N, C-alpha and C. Protein backbone atom coordinates (compact mmCIF):
# COMPACT_ATOMS: atom_id res chain seq x y z
N MET A 1 109.87 -53.06 68.93
CA MET A 1 110.56 -53.37 70.16
C MET A 1 111.90 -52.64 70.14
N THR A 2 112.20 -51.96 71.22
CA THR A 2 113.46 -51.24 71.29
C THR A 2 114.61 -52.23 71.43
N PRO A 3 115.82 -51.82 71.09
CA PRO A 3 116.97 -52.73 71.26
C PRO A 3 117.12 -53.22 72.70
N LYS A 4 116.85 -52.36 73.69
CA LYS A 4 116.96 -52.78 75.09
C LYS A 4 115.89 -53.82 75.42
N SER A 5 114.65 -53.59 74.97
CA SER A 5 113.58 -54.57 75.21
C SER A 5 113.91 -55.90 74.56
N LYS A 6 114.45 -55.84 73.35
CA LYS A 6 114.82 -57.06 72.63
C LYS A 6 115.92 -57.81 73.38
N SER A 7 116.90 -57.08 73.87
CA SER A 7 117.99 -57.69 74.64
C SER A 7 117.47 -58.30 75.94
N ASP A 8 116.61 -57.58 76.64
CA ASP A 8 116.02 -58.09 77.88
C ASP A 8 115.21 -59.36 77.62
N ALA A 9 114.44 -59.37 76.53
CA ALA A 9 113.63 -60.54 76.19
C ALA A 9 114.53 -61.73 75.87
N ALA A 10 115.63 -61.49 75.18
CA ALA A 10 116.56 -62.58 74.84
C ALA A 10 117.19 -63.17 76.10
N VAL A 11 117.55 -62.31 77.05
CA VAL A 11 118.11 -62.79 78.32
C VAL A 11 117.08 -63.63 79.06
N ARG A 12 115.86 -63.15 79.12
CA ARG A 12 114.79 -63.90 79.79
C ARG A 12 114.57 -65.26 79.12
N MET A 13 114.58 -65.27 77.78
CA MET A 13 114.36 -66.53 77.07
C MET A 13 115.48 -67.53 77.33
N ARG A 14 116.72 -67.05 77.40
CA ARG A 14 117.83 -67.96 77.71
C ARG A 14 117.67 -68.55 79.11
N ARG A 15 117.23 -67.72 80.04
CA ARG A 15 117.00 -68.19 81.41
C ARG A 15 115.88 -69.23 81.42
N ILE A 16 114.80 -68.96 80.71
CA ILE A 16 113.68 -69.90 80.63
C ILE A 16 114.12 -71.20 79.98
N ALA A 17 114.90 -71.11 78.92
CA ALA A 17 115.40 -72.32 78.25
C ALA A 17 116.24 -73.15 79.22
N GLY A 18 117.03 -72.49 80.04
CA GLY A 18 117.81 -73.21 81.05
C GLY A 18 116.93 -73.88 82.07
N GLN A 19 115.86 -73.20 82.47
CA GLN A 19 114.93 -73.80 83.43
C GLN A 19 114.24 -75.03 82.82
N VAL A 20 113.85 -74.93 81.56
CA VAL A 20 113.19 -76.07 80.90
C VAL A 20 114.17 -77.24 80.78
N ALA A 21 115.41 -76.96 80.44
CA ALA A 21 116.42 -78.02 80.37
C ALA A 21 116.61 -78.66 81.74
N GLY A 22 116.54 -77.85 82.79
CA GLY A 22 116.65 -78.37 84.15
C GLY A 22 115.49 -79.30 84.49
N ILE A 23 114.30 -78.96 84.04
CA ILE A 23 113.13 -79.82 84.27
C ILE A 23 113.33 -81.15 83.54
N GLU A 24 113.83 -81.08 82.33
CA GLU A 24 114.09 -82.31 81.56
C GLU A 24 115.08 -83.21 82.31
N ARG A 25 116.13 -82.61 82.87
CA ARG A 25 117.10 -83.39 83.66
C ARG A 25 116.45 -83.98 84.90
N MET A 26 115.60 -83.19 85.55
CA MET A 26 114.93 -83.68 86.76
C MET A 26 114.07 -84.90 86.44
N ILE A 27 113.38 -84.87 85.33
CA ILE A 27 112.55 -86.01 84.92
C ILE A 27 113.44 -87.21 84.64
N ALA A 28 114.53 -87.00 83.91
CA ALA A 28 115.45 -88.10 83.58
C ALA A 28 116.06 -88.70 84.83
N GLU A 29 116.28 -87.86 85.85
CA GLU A 29 116.89 -88.32 87.10
C GLU A 29 115.85 -88.86 88.08
N ASP A 30 114.60 -88.92 87.65
CA ASP A 30 113.51 -89.44 88.48
C ASP A 30 113.38 -88.67 89.80
N ARG A 31 113.45 -87.34 89.69
CA ARG A 31 113.33 -86.49 90.86
C ARG A 31 111.90 -86.47 91.37
N TYR A 32 111.73 -86.02 92.57
CA TYR A 32 110.43 -85.96 93.24
C TYR A 32 109.46 -85.10 92.43
N CYS A 33 108.28 -85.63 92.18
CA CYS A 33 107.28 -84.97 91.32
C CYS A 33 106.95 -83.55 91.78
N VAL A 34 106.82 -83.35 93.07
CA VAL A 34 106.47 -82.02 93.58
C VAL A 34 107.58 -81.02 93.26
N ASP A 35 108.83 -81.45 93.33
CA ASP A 35 109.95 -80.57 92.97
C ASP A 35 109.88 -80.20 91.49
N ILE A 36 109.54 -81.16 90.65
CA ILE A 36 109.40 -80.89 89.21
C ILE A 36 108.25 -79.92 88.97
N LEU A 37 107.14 -80.15 89.63
CA LEU A 37 105.99 -79.25 89.49
C LEU A 37 106.33 -77.83 89.93
N ASN A 38 107.13 -77.69 90.98
CA ASN A 38 107.56 -76.37 91.42
C ASN A 38 108.37 -75.67 90.33
N GLN A 39 109.23 -76.42 89.66
CA GLN A 39 110.03 -75.84 88.58
C GLN A 39 109.16 -75.47 87.38
N ILE A 40 108.16 -76.29 87.10
CA ILE A 40 107.22 -75.97 86.02
C ILE A 40 106.48 -74.67 86.35
N ALA A 41 106.08 -74.51 87.60
CA ALA A 41 105.41 -73.27 88.02
C ALA A 41 106.33 -72.07 87.83
N ALA A 42 107.61 -72.25 88.12
CA ALA A 42 108.58 -71.17 87.95
C ALA A 42 108.72 -70.78 86.48
N VAL A 43 108.73 -71.77 85.60
CA VAL A 43 108.82 -71.50 84.16
C VAL A 43 107.57 -70.77 83.68
N ARG A 44 106.41 -71.21 84.14
CA ARG A 44 105.17 -70.54 83.75
C ARG A 44 105.18 -69.08 84.20
N ALA A 45 105.65 -68.84 85.41
CA ALA A 45 105.73 -67.46 85.92
C ALA A 45 106.70 -66.63 85.08
N ALA A 46 107.82 -67.24 84.71
CA ALA A 46 108.81 -66.53 83.89
C ALA A 46 108.24 -66.21 82.51
N LEU A 47 107.50 -67.15 81.92
CA LEU A 47 106.86 -66.90 80.63
C LEU A 47 105.80 -65.81 80.74
N ASP A 48 105.03 -65.82 81.83
CA ASP A 48 104.04 -64.76 82.04
C ASP A 48 104.71 -63.40 82.13
N SER A 49 105.83 -63.34 82.84
CA SER A 49 106.57 -62.09 82.99
C SER A 49 107.09 -61.61 81.63
N LEU A 50 107.59 -62.52 80.83
CA LEU A 50 108.05 -62.17 79.49
C LEU A 50 106.87 -61.68 78.65
N GLY A 51 105.73 -62.32 78.77
CA GLY A 51 104.54 -61.89 78.05
C GLY A 51 104.12 -60.48 78.41
N VAL A 52 104.17 -60.16 79.69
CA VAL A 52 103.83 -58.80 80.14
C VAL A 52 104.82 -57.80 79.54
N GLN A 53 106.10 -58.17 79.53
CA GLN A 53 107.11 -57.29 78.94
C GLN A 53 106.81 -57.04 77.46
N LEU A 54 106.46 -58.10 76.72
CA LEU A 54 106.18 -57.95 75.29
C LEU A 54 104.89 -57.16 75.05
N LEU A 55 103.88 -57.40 75.86
CA LEU A 55 102.64 -56.63 75.73
C LEU A 55 102.89 -55.15 75.99
N THR A 56 103.69 -54.86 77.01
CA THR A 56 104.03 -53.47 77.33
C THR A 56 104.79 -52.82 76.19
N SER A 57 105.76 -53.54 75.65
CA SER A 57 106.55 -53.03 74.53
C SER A 57 105.65 -52.76 73.33
N HIS A 58 104.72 -53.66 73.07
CA HIS A 58 103.80 -53.48 71.95
C HIS A 58 102.92 -52.24 72.16
N LEU A 59 102.41 -52.08 73.36
CA LEU A 59 101.59 -50.90 73.66
C LEU A 59 102.39 -49.61 73.45
N GLU A 60 103.62 -49.61 73.95
CA GLU A 60 104.44 -48.40 73.86
C GLU A 60 104.82 -48.07 72.42
N SER A 61 105.31 -49.07 71.69
CA SER A 61 105.84 -48.78 70.36
C SER A 61 104.79 -48.79 69.26
N CYS A 62 103.87 -49.74 69.30
CA CYS A 62 102.92 -49.89 68.18
C CYS A 62 101.60 -49.17 68.39
N VAL A 63 101.12 -49.12 69.62
CA VAL A 63 99.82 -48.49 69.85
C VAL A 63 100.01 -47.01 70.18
N LEU A 64 100.73 -46.72 71.25
CA LEU A 64 100.93 -45.32 71.63
C LEU A 64 101.85 -44.59 70.65
N GLY A 65 102.81 -45.32 70.09
CA GLY A 65 103.75 -44.71 69.16
C GLY A 65 103.33 -44.78 67.71
N HIS A 66 102.08 -45.19 67.46
CA HIS A 66 101.60 -45.34 66.08
C HIS A 66 101.70 -44.01 65.34
N GLY A 67 102.29 -44.06 64.16
CA GLY A 67 102.44 -42.86 63.36
C GLY A 67 103.72 -42.09 63.63
N SER A 68 104.50 -42.54 64.61
CA SER A 68 105.73 -41.82 64.96
C SER A 68 106.94 -42.32 64.17
N GLY A 69 106.76 -43.45 63.47
CA GLY A 69 107.88 -44.03 62.74
C GLY A 69 108.67 -45.03 63.55
N THR A 70 108.34 -45.18 64.83
CA THR A 70 109.07 -46.13 65.69
C THR A 70 108.35 -47.47 65.79
N GLU A 71 107.13 -47.54 65.27
CA GLU A 71 106.34 -48.76 65.39
C GLU A 71 106.87 -49.84 64.45
N HIS A 72 106.52 -51.09 64.76
CA HIS A 72 106.91 -52.22 63.93
C HIS A 72 106.21 -52.10 62.58
N GLU A 73 106.88 -52.55 61.54
CA GLU A 73 106.31 -52.44 60.19
C GLU A 73 104.97 -53.17 60.05
N ALA A 74 104.75 -54.22 60.85
CA ALA A 74 103.50 -54.98 60.76
C ALA A 74 102.28 -54.16 61.16
N CYS A 75 102.48 -53.13 61.97
CA CYS A 75 101.31 -52.35 62.41
C CYS A 75 101.24 -50.97 61.75
N ARG A 76 102.16 -50.66 60.86
CA ARG A 76 102.15 -49.34 60.22
C ARG A 76 100.91 -49.09 59.38
N THR A 77 100.37 -50.15 58.78
CA THR A 77 99.21 -49.97 57.90
C THR A 77 97.88 -50.02 58.65
N MET A 78 97.93 -50.32 59.95
CA MET A 78 96.70 -50.42 60.74
C MET A 78 96.28 -49.04 61.24
N ASP A 79 94.96 -48.87 61.37
CA ASP A 79 94.48 -47.65 62.02
C ASP A 79 94.31 -47.95 63.52
N LYS A 80 93.96 -46.93 64.27
CA LYS A 80 93.85 -47.08 65.74
C LYS A 80 92.84 -48.15 66.14
N THR A 81 91.71 -48.22 65.44
CA THR A 81 90.69 -49.22 65.76
C THR A 81 91.24 -50.63 65.56
N GLU A 82 91.95 -50.84 64.47
CA GLU A 82 92.55 -52.16 64.21
C GLU A 82 93.59 -52.52 65.26
N LEU A 83 94.36 -51.53 65.68
CA LEU A 83 95.37 -51.77 66.72
C LEU A 83 94.72 -52.16 68.04
N VAL A 84 93.64 -51.47 68.40
CA VAL A 84 92.93 -51.79 69.64
C VAL A 84 92.32 -53.18 69.55
N ASP A 85 91.72 -53.52 68.42
CA ASP A 85 91.15 -54.86 68.24
C ASP A 85 92.22 -55.93 68.35
N GLU A 86 93.36 -55.69 67.72
CA GLU A 86 94.47 -56.64 67.79
C GLU A 86 94.95 -56.80 69.24
N MET A 87 95.04 -55.68 69.96
CA MET A 87 95.48 -55.73 71.35
C MET A 87 94.48 -56.49 72.21
N ARG A 88 93.20 -56.28 71.97
CA ARG A 88 92.16 -57.00 72.72
C ARG A 88 92.31 -58.51 72.51
N LEU A 89 92.51 -58.94 71.26
CA LEU A 89 92.69 -60.36 70.97
C LEU A 89 93.97 -60.92 71.59
N ALA A 90 95.04 -60.15 71.52
CA ALA A 90 96.31 -60.59 72.11
C ALA A 90 96.17 -60.76 73.62
N LEU A 91 95.52 -59.81 74.27
CA LEU A 91 95.30 -59.91 75.71
C LEU A 91 94.42 -61.11 76.07
N ALA A 92 93.38 -61.32 75.29
CA ALA A 92 92.48 -62.45 75.55
C ALA A 92 93.24 -63.77 75.45
N ARG A 93 94.08 -63.91 74.43
CA ARG A 93 94.88 -65.14 74.28
C ARG A 93 95.88 -65.28 75.41
N PHE A 94 96.52 -64.18 75.77
CA PHE A 94 97.55 -64.21 76.81
C PHE A 94 96.96 -64.57 78.17
N LEU A 95 95.76 -64.08 78.45
CA LEU A 95 95.17 -64.29 79.77
C LEU A 95 94.44 -65.63 79.93
N ARG A 96 94.37 -66.43 78.89
CA ARG A 96 93.72 -67.74 79.00
C ARG A 96 94.49 -68.66 79.89
């Protein structure tokens, strides 16, 4: 993950954490259920967006950049077939 991608992911996570804390407050304040559900939907969308960002970063640095020295150390020992298999599993889990 590039430093910019890492920074962007950290910003997104702080925003998501704030949204989750807001949902917790809404529940404690006995807010209208539909309003809480709307906020939960927003958090899920934000997490999906973060997941797409991480999948893209992984494709760029570990799969396409394999062998360039920029990939994460965890995938340096993998060959292309192993990387594709890992990506297939990651996508399957993410899309559930």
